[in-house]
Amino acid sequence: MRNILVTGGLGYIGSHTVVALQQMGFKVNIIDDLSNATEDALYEITEITGIKPGFFCIDLKDQAEVYRFFEHNKIDGIIHFAAYKAVSESVEKPLMYYRNNILGLLNILEAMESHNVDHFIFSSSCTVYGQADIMPIYENTPLKNPESPYGNTKKIGEEIIKDFIKISNKSAIVLRYFNPVGSHPKGTIGDFQPVPNNLLPYIVQTAIGIKESLNIFGHNYDTRDGTAIRDYIDVNDLADAHVKALKRLLSKSNKKNVEFFNLGSGIGSTVLEVVNAFEKANNIKIKYEIKPRRAGDIEQAYADYSLAKTELNWEPRISLESSMKTAWKFQQYLSIK
């Protein structure tokens, strides 16, 4: 049984990927410092899969603790999610983002090198493209300067990984995802954000009454209705892509030592279209207010995922409507806990 380390494995995408890994027969150890998650997710993962993953509360910035973990655990592959992830917060606190996201990555890669771990999957983001000139975005779309420190940490992270892989016999896959939405069908794990930074958590908190109204930032973009366009991809589809990417590395089916794949739905939806989709899927009206644009936001981004389809045998299966339903189910679950 292959032993996989998932950093940030109690977070939103991480927890869903842990479920998918365990359901495919992998043994999973989680490292998470609980800065963006709670141990409740560990219980819910165990309830869903019937298997309790190993859990280690470690701050990846603490190199000694990271090395101690690797000294006591034989790891066959790493999926690295652990990072701060809020675009607007990164604009306000750039040094915090650079220290956490870059130092944590460096410590993991150094431990990987010294403990003979050969396979690495990096959680990247479409923010590395900045505001692309042409849609959809392909993997060979030129990278521009990211619009936020968060996006820059992902771009720098990719460069670090490329340089590291050049001088090692390791292999890596970089997954650039667009905007994750939705929850597990059971509705017991999902995008837990006490202070929402992303659109859908803000919508569901407005629907449940935690927020009085939804703030929509910007209404004068050059789009269908003036609001920004993003590509929304269900988190369960993302988890499936991570399992497929891991299997590609473990079976040595990768064609390059470092490979890059976009993970998106291929469909660009405006903010108002997502609000309408949520209202229709759940028969709920959402009160919203138009606010000025936020620093760090781009006008539009949506993916071409054909490379992932060809090479990973992956494509999105879950509709935006289904994602709206499971996100609402998770918020209702949180409200009765």
C-alpha atoms as a PDB file:
ATOM      1  CA  MET A   1       0.000   0.000   0.000  1.00  0.00           C
ATOM      2  CA  ARG A   2       1.513   3.333  -1.084  1.00  0.00           C
ATOM      3  CA  ASN A   3       1.867   5.887   1.712  1.00  0.00           C
ATOM      4  CA  ILE A   4       0.948   9.405   0.568  1.00  0.00           C
ATOM      5  CA  LEU A   5       1.564  12.635   2.471  1.00  0.00           C
ATOM      6  CA  VAL A   6      -1.087  15.304   1.962  1.00  0.00           C
ATOM      7  CA  THR A   7      -0.083  18.687   3.362  1.00  0.00           C
ATOM      8  CA  GLY A   8      -3.042  20.910   4.148  1.00  0.00           C
ATOM      9  CA  GLY A   9      -5.089  17.724   4.089  1.00  0.00           C
ATOM     10  CA  LEU A  10      -7.810  19.017   6.417  1.00  0.00           C
ATOM     11  CA  GLY A  11      -8.482  22.062   4.232  1.00  0.00           C
ATOM     12  CA  TYR A  12     -11.084  22.369   1.513  1.00  0.00           C
ATOM     13  CA  ILE A  13      -9.480  20.682  -1.485  1.00  0.00           C
ATOM     14  CA  GLY A  14      -7.135  18.635   0.675  1.00  0.00           C
ATOM     15  CA  SER A  15      -9.899  16.908   2.644  1.00  0.00           C
ATOM     16  CA  HIS A  16     -11.762  15.901  -0.523  1.00  0.00           C
ATOM     17  CA  THR A  17      -8.528  14.573  -2.021  1.00  0.00           C
ATOM     18  CA  VAL A  18      -7.807  12.538   1.120  1.00  0.00           C
ATOM     19  CA  VAL A  19     -11.251  10.944   0.769  1.00  0.00           C
ATOM     20  CA  ALA A  20     -10.596  10.117  -2.891  1.00  0.00           C
ATOM     21  CA  LEU A  21      -7.144   8.682  -2.116  1.00  0.00           C
ATOM     22  CA  GLN A  22      -8.419   6.462   0.676  1.00  0.00           C
ATOM     23  CA  GLN A  23     -11.281   5.232  -1.438  1.00  0.00           C
ATOM     24  CA  MET A  24      -8.706   4.213  -4.077  1.00  0.00           C
ATOM     25  CA  GLY A  25      -6.682   2.214  -1.568  1.00  0.00           C
ATOM     26  CA  PHE A  26      -3.901   4.637  -0.654  1.00  0.00           C
ATOM     27  CA  LYS A  27      -2.658   5.043   2.903  1.00  0.00           C
ATOM     28  CA  VAL A  28      -2.728   8.744   3.784  1.00  0.00           C
ATOM     29  CA  ASN A  29      -0.885  10.856   6.322  1.00  0.00           C
ATOM     30  CA  ILE A  30      -1.979  14.458   6.761  1.00  0.00           C
ATOM     31  CA  ILE A  31       0.117  17.421   7.857  1.00  0.00           C
ATOM     32  CA  ASP A  32      -1.957  20.494   8.709  1.00  0.00           C
ATOM     33  CA  ASP A  33      -1.316  23.386  11.113  1.00  0.00           C
ATOM     34  CA  LEU A  34      -5.077  24.041  11.461  1.00  0.00           C
ATOM     35  CA  SER A  35      -4.682  27.691  10.431  1.00  0.00           C
ATOM     36  CA  ASN A  36      -7.367  27.248   7.732  1.00  0.00           C
ATOM     37  CA  ALA A  37      -9.085  24.099   9.004  1.00  0.00           C
ATOM     38  CA  THR A  38     -10.297  22.262  12.093  1.00  0.00           C
ATOM     39  CA  GLU A  39      -9.932  18.703  13.328  1.00  0.00           C
ATOM     40  CA  ASP A  40     -13.654  18.236  12.594  1.00  0.00           C
ATOM     41  CA  ALA A  41     -12.615  17.452   9.026  1.00  0.00           C
ATOM     42  CA  LEU A  42     -10.533  14.507  10.285  1.00  0.00           C
ATOM     43  CA  TYR A  43     -13.624  13.022  11.911  1.00  0.00           C
ATOM     44  CA  GLU A  44     -15.739  13.600   8.801  1.00  0.00           C
ATOM     45  CA  ILE A  45     -13.125  12.022   6.491  1.00  0.00           C
ATOM     46  CA  THR A  46     -13.125   8.969   8.768  1.00  0.00           C
ATOM     47  CA  GLU A  47     -16.929   8.818   8.755  1.00  0.00           C
ATOM     48  CA  ILE A  48     -17.087   8.975   4.950  1.00  0.00           C
ATOM     49  CA  THR A  49     -14.323   6.452   4.212  1.00  0.00           C
ATOM     50  CA  GLY A  50     -14.324   4.233   7.293  1.00  0.00           C
ATOM     51  CA  ILE A  51     -10.574   4.856   7.561  1.00  0.00           C
ATOM     52  CA  LYS A  52      -8.838   7.331   9.855  1.00  0.00           C
ATOM     53  CA  PRO A  53      -5.860   8.929   8.123  1.00  0.00           C
ATOM     54  CA  GLY A  54      -2.735   9.714  10.081  1.00  0.00           C
ATOM     55  CA  PHE A  55      -2.736  13.300  11.314  1.00  0.00           C
ATOM     56  CA  PHE A  56       0.198  15.462  12.374  1.00  0.00           C
ATOM     57  CA  CYS A  57      -0.328  19.066  13.506  1.00  0.00           C
ATOM     58  CA  ILE A  58       2.853  20.602  12.101  1.00  0.00           C
ATOM     59  CA  ASP A  59       3.701  24.083  10.882  1.00  0.00           C
ATOM     60  CA  LEU A  60       5.653  23.541   7.661  1.00  0.00           C
ATOM     61  CA  LYS A  61       7.726  26.638   8.424  1.00  0.00           C
ATOM     62  CA  ASP A  62       9.277  24.604  11.292  1.00  0.00           C
ATOM     63  CA  GLN A  63      11.988  22.702   9.436  1.00  0.00           C
ATOM     64  CA  ALA A  64      12.950  20.547  12.432  1.00  0.00           C
ATOM     65  CA  GLU A  65       9.376  19.309  12.837  1.00  0.00           C
ATOM     66  CA  VAL A  66       9.077  18.599   9.121  1.00  0.00           C
ATOM     67  CA  TYR A  67      12.287  16.554   9.145  1.00  0.00           C
ATOM     68  CA  ARG A  68      11.162  14.698  12.279  1.00  0.00           C
ATOM     69  CA  PHE A  69       8.005  13.628  10.462  1.00  0.00           C
ATOM     70  CA  PHE A  70       9.958  12.246   7.505  1.00  0.00           C
ATOM     71  CA  GLU A  71      12.395  10.430   9.786  1.00  0.00           C
ATOM     72  CA  HIS A  72       9.510   8.435  11.282  1.00  0.00           C
ATOM     73  CA  ASN A  73       7.309   7.922   8.193  1.00  0.00           C
ATOM     74  CA  LYS A  74       8.147   6.268   4.882  1.00  0.00           C
ATOM     75  CA  ILE A  75       6.487   8.391   2.195  1.00  0.00           C
ATOM     76  CA  ASP A  76       5.980   7.342  -1.449  1.00  0.00           C
ATOM     77  CA  GLY A  77       4.500  10.587  -2.749  1.00  0.00           C
ATOM     78  CA  ILE A  78       3.519  14.086  -1.643  1.00  0.00           C
ATOM     79  CA  ILE A  79       0.512  16.208  -2.551  1.00  0.00           C
ATOM     80  CA  HIS A  80       1.234  19.726  -1.343  1.00  0.00           C
ATOM     81  CA  PHE A  81      -1.824  21.878  -0.659  1.00  0.00           C
ATOM     82  CA  ALA A  82      -0.705  23.725   2.470  1.00  0.00           C
ATOM     83  CA  ALA A  83      -0.673  27.478   1.788  1.00  0.00           C
ATOM     84  CA  TYR A  84      -2.495  30.665   2.627  1.00  0.00           C
ATOM     85  CA  LYS A  85      -4.927  31.272  -0.213  1.00  0.00           C
ATOM     86  CA  ALA A  86      -6.932  34.518   0.027  1.00  0.00           C
ATOM     87  CA  VAL A  87      -6.151  36.968  -2.776  1.00  0.00           C
ATOM     88  CA  SER A  88      -7.391  40.080  -0.945  1.00  0.00           C
ATOM     89  CA  GLU A  89      -5.646  39.132   2.309  1.00  0.00           C
ATOM     90  CA  SER A  90      -2.397  38.598   0.427  1.00  0.00           C
ATOM     91  CA  VAL A  91      -2.588  42.163  -0.886  1.00  0.00           C
ATOM     92  CA  GLU A  92      -2.936  43.420   2.693  1.00  0.00           C
ATOM     93  CA  LYS A  93      -0.346  41.043   4.231  1.00  0.00           C
ATOM     94  CA  PRO A  94       2.167  40.163   1.503  1.00  0.00           C
ATOM     95  CA  LEU A  95       5.080  39.235   3.774  1.00  0.00           C
ATOM     96  CA  MET A  96       2.930  36.758   5.688  1.00  0.00           C
ATOM     97  CA  TYR A  97       2.041  35.060   2.404  1.00  0.00           C
ATOM     98  CA  TYR A  98       5.607  34.935   1.105  1.00  0.00           C
ATOM     99  CA  ARG A  99       6.964  33.553   4.379  1.00  0.00           C
ATOM    100  CA  ASN A 100       4.283  30.883   4.763  1.00  0.00           C
ATOM    101  CA  ASN A 101       3.812  29.735   1.184  1.00  0.00           C
ATOM    102  CA  ILE A 102       7.455  29.796   0.067  1.00  0.00           C
ATOM    103  CA  LEU A 103       9.199  28.652   3.249  1.00  0.00           C
ATOM    104  CA  GLY A 104       6.759  25.772   3.708  1.00  0.00           C
ATOM    105  CA  LEU A 105       7.381  24.611   0.140  1.00  0.00           C
ATOM    106  CA  LEU A 106      11.165  24.828   0.552  1.00  0.00           C
ATOM    107  CA  ASN A 107      11.098  22.766   3.735  1.00  0.00           C
ATOM    108  CA  ILE A 108       8.958  20.071   2.109  1.00  0.00           C
ATOM    109  CA  LEU A 109      11.200  19.866  -0.973  1.00  0.00           C
ATOM    110  CA  GLU A 110      14.366  19.689   1.144  1.00  0.00           C
ATOM    111  CA  ALA A 111      12.851  16.908   3.251  1.00  0.00           C
ATOM    112  CA  MET A 112      11.766  15.152   0.062  1.00  0.00           C
ATOM    113  CA  GLU A 113      15.335  15.310  -1.230  1.00  0.00           C
ATOM    114  CA  SER A 114      16.986  14.089   1.961  1.00  0.00           C
ATOM    115  CA  HIS A 115      14.497  11.259   2.558  1.00  0.00           C
ATOM    116  CA  ASN A 116      14.357   9.859  -0.983  1.00  0.00           C
ATOM    117  CA  VAL A 117      10.777  10.724  -1.899  1.00  0.00           C
ATOM    118  CA  ASP A 118      10.450  10.754  -5.695  1.00  0.00           C
ATOM    119  CA  HIS A 119       6.937  12.019  -6.498  1.00  0.00           C
ATOM    120  CA  PHE A 120       5.495  15.482  -5.875  1.00  0.00           C
ATOM    121  CA  ILE A 121       2.194  17.143  -6.825  1.00  0.00           C
ATOM    122  CA  PHE A 122       1.880  20.895  -6.366  1.00  0.00           C
ATOM    123  CA  SER A 123      -1.353  22.757  -5.793  1.00  0.00           C
ATOM    124  CA  SER A 124      -1.009  25.764  -8.093  1.00  0.00           C
ATOM    125  CA  SER A 125      -3.534  28.228  -9.437  1.00  0.00           C
ATOM    126  CA  CYS A 126      -4.772  30.002 -12.527  1.00  0.00           C
ATOM    127  CA  THR A 127      -3.588  33.212 -10.842  1.00  0.00           C
ATOM    128  CA  VAL A 128      -0.114  32.480 -12.287  1.00  0.00           C
ATOM    129  CA  TYR A 129      -1.460  33.589 -15.683  1.00  0.00           C
ATOM    130  CA  GLY A 130      -2.423  37.061 -14.447  1.00  0.00           C
ATOM    131  CA  GLN A 131      -4.907  38.642 -16.844  1.00  0.00           C
ATOM    132  CA  ALA A 132      -4.387  36.546 -19.958  1.00  0.00           C
ATOM    133  CA  ASP A 133      -4.911  38.275 -23.303  1.00  0.00           C
ATOM    134  CA  ILE A 134      -6.845  35.432 -24.933  1.00  0.00           C
ATOM    135  CA  MET A 135      -9.467  33.016 -23.614  1.00  0.00           C
ATOM    136  CA  PRO A 136      -9.524  30.153 -22.933  1.00  0.00           C
ATOM    137  CA  ILE A 137      -6.249  29.758 -21.076  1.00  0.00           C
ATOM    138  CA  TYR A 138      -3.912  26.949 -22.163  1.00  0.00           C
ATOM    139  CA  GLU A 139      -0.897  25.582 -20.292  1.00  0.00           C
ATOM    140  CA  ASN A 140       1.388  27.362 -22.768  1.00  0.00           C
ATOM    141  CA  THR A 141      -0.403  30.692 -22.328  1.00  0.00           C
ATOM    142  CA  PRO A 142       2.349  33.162 -21.377  1.00  0.00           C
ATOM    143  CA  LEU A 143       2.565  33.801 -17.646  1.00  0.00           C
ATOM    144  CA  LYS A 144       2.151  37.457 -16.768  1.00  0.00           C
ATOM    145  CA  ASN A 145       2.895  39.185 -13.515  1.00  0.00           C
ATOM    146  CA  PRO A 146       0.272  37.906 -11.078  1.00  0.00           C
ATOM    147  CA  GLU A 147      -2.157  40.490  -9.784  1.00  0.00           C
ATOM    148  CA  SER A 148      -1.650  39.524  -6.125  1.00  0.00           C
ATOM    149  CA  PRO A 149       1.069  38.313  -3.747  1.00  0.00           C
ATOM    150  CA  TYR A 150      -0.889  35.050  -3.429  1.00  0.00           C
ATOM    151  CA  GLY A 151      -0.647  34.465  -7.174  1.00  0.00           C
ATOM    152  CA  ASN A 152       3.027  35.389  -7.073  1.00  0.00           C
ATOM    153  CA  THR A 153       3.712  32.773  -4.388  1.00  0.00           C
ATOM    154  CA  LYS A 154       2.259  30.163  -6.724  1.00  0.00           C
ATOM    155  CA  LYS A 155       4.337  31.404  -9.657  1.00  0.00           C
ATOM    156  CA  ILE A 156       7.498  31.465  -7.544  1.00  0.00           C
ATOM    157  CA  GLY A 157       6.610  28.017  -6.209  1.00  0.00           C
ATOM    158  CA  GLU A 158       6.405  26.654  -9.750  1.00  0.00           C
ATOM    159  CA  GLU A 159       9.824  28.106 -10.565  1.00  0.00           C
ATOM    160  CA  ILE A 160      11.333  26.594  -7.420  1.00  0.00           C
ATOM    161  CA  ILE A 161       9.918  23.181  -8.307  1.00  0.00           C
ATOM    162  CA  LYS A 162      11.247  23.367 -11.891  1.00  0.00           C
ATOM    163  CA  ASP A 163      14.736  24.274 -10.662  1.00  0.00           C
ATOM    164  CA  PHE A 164      14.675  21.547  -8.016  1.00  0.00           C
ATOM    165  CA  ILE A 165      13.533  18.838 -10.427  1.00  0.00           C
ATOM    166  CA  LYS A 166      16.284  19.780 -12.919  1.00  0.00           C
ATOM    167  CA  ILE A 167      19.010  18.702 -10.513  1.00  0.00           C
ATOM    168  CA  SER A 168      17.269  15.647  -9.050  1.00  0.00           C
ATOM    169  CA  ASN A 169      15.843  12.376 -10.278  1.00  0.00           C
ATOM    170  CA  LYS A 170      12.421  13.352  -8.935  1.00  0.00           C
ATOM    171  CA  SER A 171       9.159  13.918 -10.830  1.00  0.00           C
ATOM    172  CA  ALA A 172       6.492  16.531 -10.273  1.00  0.00           C
ATOM    173  CA  ILE A 173       3.078  17.472 -11.608  1.00  0.00           C
ATOM    174  CA  VAL A 174       1.824  21.037 -11.186  1.00  0.00           C
ATOM    175  CA  LEU A 175      -1.967  21.358 -11.197  1.00  0.00           C
ATOM    176  CA  ARG A 176      -3.260  24.837 -11.975  1.00  0.00           C
ATOM    177  CA  TYR A 177      -6.834  24.979 -10.841  1.00  0.00           C
ATOM    178  CA  PHE A 178      -9.384  27.564 -11.509  1.00  0.00           C
ATOM    179  CA  ASN A 179     -12.187  28.247  -8.956  1.00  0.00           C
ATOM    180  CA  PRO A 180     -13.143  25.276  -6.756  1.00  0.00           C
ATOM    181  CA  VAL A 181     -16.769  25.041  -5.662  1.00  0.00           C
ATOM    182  CA  GLY A 182     -19.148  22.528  -4.140  1.00  0.00           C
ATOM    183  CA  SER A 183     -18.806  19.943  -1.395  1.00  0.00           C
ATOM    184  CA  HIS A 184     -18.795  16.197  -0.889  1.00  0.00           C
ATOM    185  CA  PRO A 185     -22.222  14.694  -1.701  1.00  0.00           C
ATOM    186  CA  LYS A 186     -22.709  13.806   1.985  1.00  0.00           C
ATOM    187  CA  GLY A 187     -22.453  17.510   2.782  1.00  0.00           C
ATOM    188  CA  THR A 188     -20.175  16.990   5.796  1.00  0.00           C
ATOM    189  CA  ILE A 189     -16.902  18.365   4.392  1.00  0.00           C
ATOM    190  CA  GLY A 190     -16.663  21.511   2.330  1.00  0.00           C
ATOM    191  CA  ASP A 191     -15.285  25.019   2.019  1.00  0.00           C
ATOM    192  CA  PHE A 192     -15.196  26.118   5.654  1.00  0.00           C
ATOM    193  CA  GLN A 193     -14.473  29.858   5.789  1.00  0.00           C
ATOM    194  CA  PRO A 194     -15.466  31.669   8.998  1.00  0.00           C
ATOM    195  CA  VAL A 195     -14.628  34.888   7.131  1.00  0.00           C
ATOM    196  CA  PRO A 196     -15.418  34.179   3.467  1.00  0.00           C
ATOM    197  CA  ASN A 197     -12.851  35.139   0.859  1.00  0.00           C
ATOM    198  CA  ASN A 198     -14.393  33.375  -2.129  1.00  0.00           C
ATOM    199  CA  LEU A 199     -17.687  33.874  -3.906  1.00  0.00           C
ATOM    200  CA  LEU A 200     -19.616  30.708  -3.063  1.00  0.00           C
ATOM    201  CA  PRO A 201     -18.913  30.689   0.702  1.00  0.00           C
ATOM    202  CA  TYR A 202     -20.107  34.294   0.725  1.00  0.00           C
ATOM    203  CA  ILE A 203     -23.281  33.295  -1.150  1.00  0.00           C
ATOM    204  CA  VAL A 204     -24.140  30.427   1.193  1.00  0.00           C
ATOM    205  CA  GLN A 205     -23.458  32.521   4.307  1.00  0.00           C
ATOM    206  CA  THR A 206     -25.808  35.151   2.929  1.00  0.00           C
ATOM    207  CA  ALA A 207     -28.417  32.495   2.181  1.00  0.00           C
ATOM    208  CA  ILE A 208     -28.249  31.106   5.720  1.00  0.00           C
ATOM    209  CA  GLY A 209     -28.398  34.587   7.289  1.00  0.00           C
ATOM    210  CA  ILE A 210     -24.829  34.884   8.635  1.00  0.00           C
ATOM    211  CA  LYS A 211     -24.204  37.735   6.199  1.00  0.00           C
ATOM    212  CA  GLU A 212     -26.838  40.386   5.591  1.00  0.00           C
ATOM    213  CA  SER A 213     -26.009  40.629   1.891  1.00  0.00           C
ATOM    214  CA  LEU A 214     -23.478  39.490  -0.685  1.00  0.00           C
ATOM    215  CA  ASN A 215     -20.881  42.002  -1.847  1.00  0.00           C
ATOM    216  CA  ILE A 216     -20.229  41.852  -5.594  1.00  0.00           C
ATOM    217  CA  PHE A 217     -16.949  43.597  -6.336  1.00  0.00           C
ATOM    218  CA  GLY A 218     -17.061  45.436  -9.654  1.00  0.00           C
ATOM    219  CA  HIS A 219     -19.914  45.880 -12.135  1.00  0.00           C
ATOM    220  CA  ASN A 220     -18.096  47.667 -14.956  1.00  0.00           C
ATOM    221  CA  TYR A 221     -15.922  44.885 -16.315  1.00  0.00           C
ATOM    222  CA  ASP A 222     -16.042  44.278 -20.071  1.00  0.00           C
ATOM    223  CA  THR A 223     -18.194  41.155 -19.669  1.00  0.00           C
ATOM    224  CA  ARG A 224     -21.754  40.029 -20.419  1.00  0.00           C
ATOM    225  CA  ASP A 225     -23.247  41.677 -17.342  1.00  0.00           C
ATOM    226  CA  GLY A 226     -20.358  43.791 -16.075  1.00  0.00           C
ATOM    227  CA  THR A 227     -19.265  41.351 -13.358  1.00  0.00           C
ATOM    228  CA  ALA A 228     -16.049  39.323 -13.387  1.00  0.00           C
ATOM    229  CA  ILE A 229     -15.864  35.945 -15.142  1.00  0.00           C
ATOM    230  CA  ARG A 230     -14.336  32.853 -13.561  1.00  0.00           C
ATOM    231  CA  ASP A 231     -14.204  29.138 -14.305  1.00  0.00           C
ATOM    232  CA  TYR A 232     -15.903  27.162 -11.517  1.00  0.00           C
ATOM    233  CA  ILE A 233     -14.826  23.543 -11.071  1.00  0.00           C
ATOM    234  CA  ASP A 234     -16.314  21.115  -8.559  1.00  0.00           C
ATOM    235  CA  VAL A 235     -13.977  20.127  -5.744  1.00  0.00           C
ATOM    236  CA  ASN A 236     -14.763  16.423  -6.198  1.00  0.00           C
ATOM    237  CA  ASP A 237     -13.601  16.638  -9.814  1.00  0.00           C
ATOM    238  CA  LEU A 238     -10.412  18.297  -8.568  1.00  0.00           C
ATOM    239  CA  ALA A 239      -9.848  15.491  -6.071  1.00  0.00           C
ATOM    240  CA  ASP A 240     -10.225  12.948  -8.872  1.00  0.00           C
ATOM    241  CA  ALA A 241      -7.584  14.790 -10.911  1.00  0.00           C
ATOM    242  CA  HIS A 242      -5.100  14.591  -8.027  1.00  0.00           C
ATOM    243  CA  VAL A 243      -5.558  10.826  -7.767  1.00  0.00           C
ATOM    244  CA  LYS A 244      -5.035  10.447 -11.515  1.00  0.00           C
ATOM    245  CA  ALA A 245      -1.940  12.674 -11.415  1.00  0.00           C
ATOM    246  CA  LEU A 246      -0.505  10.640  -8.536  1.00  0.00           C
ATOM    247  CA  LYS A 247      -1.077   7.373 -10.352  1.00  0.00           C
ATOM    248  CA  ARG A 248       0.658   8.833 -13.418  1.00  0.00           C
ATOM    249  CA  LEU A 249       3.760   9.592 -11.357  1.00  0.00           C
ATOM    250  CA  LEU A 250       3.786   6.314  -9.438  1.00  0.00           C
ATOM    251  CA  SER A 251       3.448   4.304 -12.664  1.00  0.00           C
ATOM    252  CA  LYS A 252       6.159   6.465 -14.309  1.00  0.00           C
ATOM    253  CA  SER A 253       3.744   7.352 -17.115  1.00  0.00           C
ATOM    254  CA  ASN A 254       4.730  11.026 -17.061  1.00  0.00           C
ATOM    255  CA  LYS A 255       6.379  12.265 -20.247  1.00  0.00           C
ATOM    256  CA  LYS A 256       8.460  15.009 -18.603  1.00  0.00           C
ATOM    257  CA  ASN A 257      10.024  15.354 -15.173  1.00  0.00           C
ATOM    258  CA  VAL A 258       7.745  18.340 -14.542  1.00  0.00           C
ATOM    259  CA  GLU A 259       4.305  18.488 -16.140  1.00  0.00           C
ATOM    260  CA  PHE A 260       1.665  21.223 -15.961  1.00  0.00           C
ATOM    261  CA  PHE A 261      -2.103  20.769 -16.256  1.00  0.00           C
ATOM    262  CA  ASN A 262      -5.033  23.182 -16.127  1.00  0.00           C
ATOM    263  CA  LEU A 263      -8.020  21.968 -14.127  1.00  0.00           C
ATOM    264  CA  GLY A 264     -11.217  23.816 -14.918  1.00  0.00           C
ATOM    265  CA  SER A 265     -14.663  23.307 -16.386  1.00  0.00           C
ATOM    266  CA  GLY A 266     -13.824  25.183 -19.588  1.00  0.00           C
ATOM    267  CA  ILE A 267     -16.831  27.444 -18.985  1.00  0.00           C
ATOM    268  CA  GLY A 268     -16.600  31.062 -17.887  1.00  0.00           C
ATOM    269  CA  SER A 269     -19.415  32.237 -15.601  1.00  0.00           C
ATOM    270  CA  THR A 270     -20.001  35.768 -14.360  1.00  0.00           C
ATOM    271  CA  VAL A 271     -20.548  36.482 -10.677  1.00  0.00           C
ATOM    272  CA  LEU A 272     -24.219  37.243 -11.334  1.00  0.00           C
ATOM    273  CA  GLU A 273     -24.615  34.002 -13.289  1.00  0.00           C
ATOM    274  CA  VAL A 274     -23.279  32.057 -10.302  1.00  0.00           C
ATOM    275  CA  VAL A 275     -25.675  33.880  -7.983  1.00  0.00           C
ATOM    276  CA  ASN A 276     -28.542  33.014 -10.320  1.00  0.00           C
ATOM    277  CA  ALA A 277     -27.402  29.375 -10.525  1.00  0.00           C
ATOM    278  CA  PHE A 278     -27.409  29.135  -6.729  1.00  0.00           C
ATOM    279  CA  GLU A 279     -30.863  30.723  -6.492  1.00  0.00           C
ATOM    280  CA  LYS A 280     -32.273  28.359  -9.111  1.00  0.00           C
ATOM    281  CA  ALA A 281     -30.663  25.201  -7.709  1.00  0.00           C
ATOM    282  CA  ASN A 282     -31.808  25.856  -4.143  1.00  0.00           C
ATOM    283  CA  ASN A 283     -34.920  28.017  -4.641  1.00  0.00           C
ATOM    284  CA  ILE A 284     -33.451  30.825  -2.521  1.00  0.00           C
ATOM    285  CA  LYS A 285     -33.130  34.533  -3.262  1.00  0.00           C
ATOM    286  CA  ILE A 286     -29.793  36.172  -2.518  1.00  0.00           C
ATOM    287  CA  LYS A 287     -29.602  39.816  -1.503  1.00  0.00           C
ATOM    288  CA  TYR A 288     -26.524  41.493  -2.951  1.00  0.00           C
ATOM    289  CA  GLU A 289     -24.842  44.885  -3.175  1.00  0.00           C
ATOM    290  CA  ILE A 290     -22.456  46.175  -5.835  1.00  0.00           C
ATOM    291  CA  LYS A 291     -19.126  47.347  -4.445  1.00  0.00           C
ATOM    292  CA  PRO A 292     -15.977  48.818  -6.062  1.00  0.00           C
ATOM    293  CA  ARG A 293     -13.459  46.428  -7.598  1.00  0.00           C
ATOM    294  CA  ARG A 294     -10.948  44.811  -5.254  1.00  0.00           C
ATOM    295  CA  ALA A 295      -7.194  45.123  -5.656  1.00  0.00           C
ATOM    296  CA  GLY A 296      -5.728  41.940  -7.119  1.00  0.00           C
ATOM    297  CA  ASP A 297      -8.845  40.833  -9.015  1.00  0.00           C
ATOM    298  CA  ILE A 298      -8.711  40.182 -12.759  1.00  0.00           C
ATOM    299  CA  GLU A 299     -11.517  40.569 -15.278  1.00  0.00           C
ATOM    300  CA  GLN A 300     -11.853  37.041 -16.579  1.00  0.00           C
ATOM    301  CA  ALA A 301     -10.213  33.634 -16.590  1.00  0.00           C
ATOM    302  CA  TYR A 302     -11.399  30.255 -17.822  1.00  0.00           C
ATOM    303  CA  ALA A 303      -9.546  27.144 -18.823  1.00  0.00           C
ATOM    304  CA  ASP A 304      -8.855  24.849 -21.672  1.00  0.00           C
ATOM    305  CA  TYR A 305      -8.498  21.454 -19.962  1.00  0.00           C
ATOM    306  CA  SER A 306      -7.872  19.350 -23.088  1.00  0.00           C
ATOM    307  CA  LEU A 307      -4.316  18.445 -22.018  1.00  0.00           C
ATOM    308  CA  ALA A 308      -5.579  16.962 -18.746  1.00  0.00           C
ATOM    309  CA  LYS A 309      -8.227  15.090 -20.706  1.00  0.00           C
ATOM    310  CA  THR A 310      -5.636  13.604 -23.073  1.00  0.00           C
ATOM    311  CA  GLU A 311      -2.839  12.871 -20.607  1.00  0.00           C
ATOM    312  CA  LEU A 312      -4.612  12.250 -17.299  1.00  0.00           C
ATOM    313  CA  ASN A 313      -7.802  10.795 -18.757  1.00  0.00           C
ATOM    314  CA  TRP A 314      -9.610  13.420 -16.681  1.00  0.00           C
ATOM    315  CA  GLU A 315     -12.479  15.728 -17.377  1.00  0.00           C
ATOM    316  CA  PRO A 316     -15.055  17.482 -15.192  1.00  0.00           C
ATOM    317  CA  ARG A 317     -18.229  15.503 -14.575  1.00  0.00           C
ATOM    318  CA  ILE A 318     -20.150  17.567 -12.028  1.00  0.00           C
ATOM    319  CA  SER A 319     -22.380  20.438 -13.138  1.00  0.00           C
ATOM    320  CA  LEU A 320     -22.402  23.925 -11.645  1.00  0.00           C
ATOM    321  CA  GLU A 321     -25.979  23.299 -10.471  1.00  0.00           C
ATOM    322  CA  SER A 322     -24.885  20.201  -8.539  1.00  0.00           C
ATOM    323  CA  SER A 323     -22.037  22.170  -6.978  1.00  0.00           C
ATOM    324  CA  MET A 324     -24.493  24.836  -5.847  1.00  0.00           C
ATOM    325  CA  LYS A 325     -26.653  22.171  -4.175  1.00  0.00           C
ATOM    326  CA  THR A 326     -23.804  20.456  -2.315  1.00  0.00           C
ATOM    327  CA  ALA A 327     -22.347  23.789  -1.166  1.00  0.00           C
ATOM    328  CA  TRP A 328     -25.731  24.697   0.322  1.00  0.00           C
ATOM    329  CA  LYS A 329     -26.011  21.238   1.908  1.00  0.00           C
ATOM    330  CA  PHE A 330     -22.651  21.736   3.621  1.00  0.00           C
ATOM    331  CA  GLN A 331     -23.618  25.178   4.929  1.00  0.00           C
ATOM    332  CA  GLN A 332     -26.845  23.751   6.364  1.00  0.00           C
ATOM    333  CA  TYR A 333     -24.817  21.001   8.017  1.00  0.00           C
ATOM    334  CA  LEU A 334     -22.526  23.585   9.605  1.00  0.00           C
ATOM    335  CA  SER A 335     -25.512  25.533  10.937  1.00  0.00           C
ATOM    336  CA  ILE A 336     -26.862  22.572  12.932  1.00  0.00           C
ATOM    337  CA  LYS A 337     -23.544  21.363  14.350  1.00  0.00           C
END
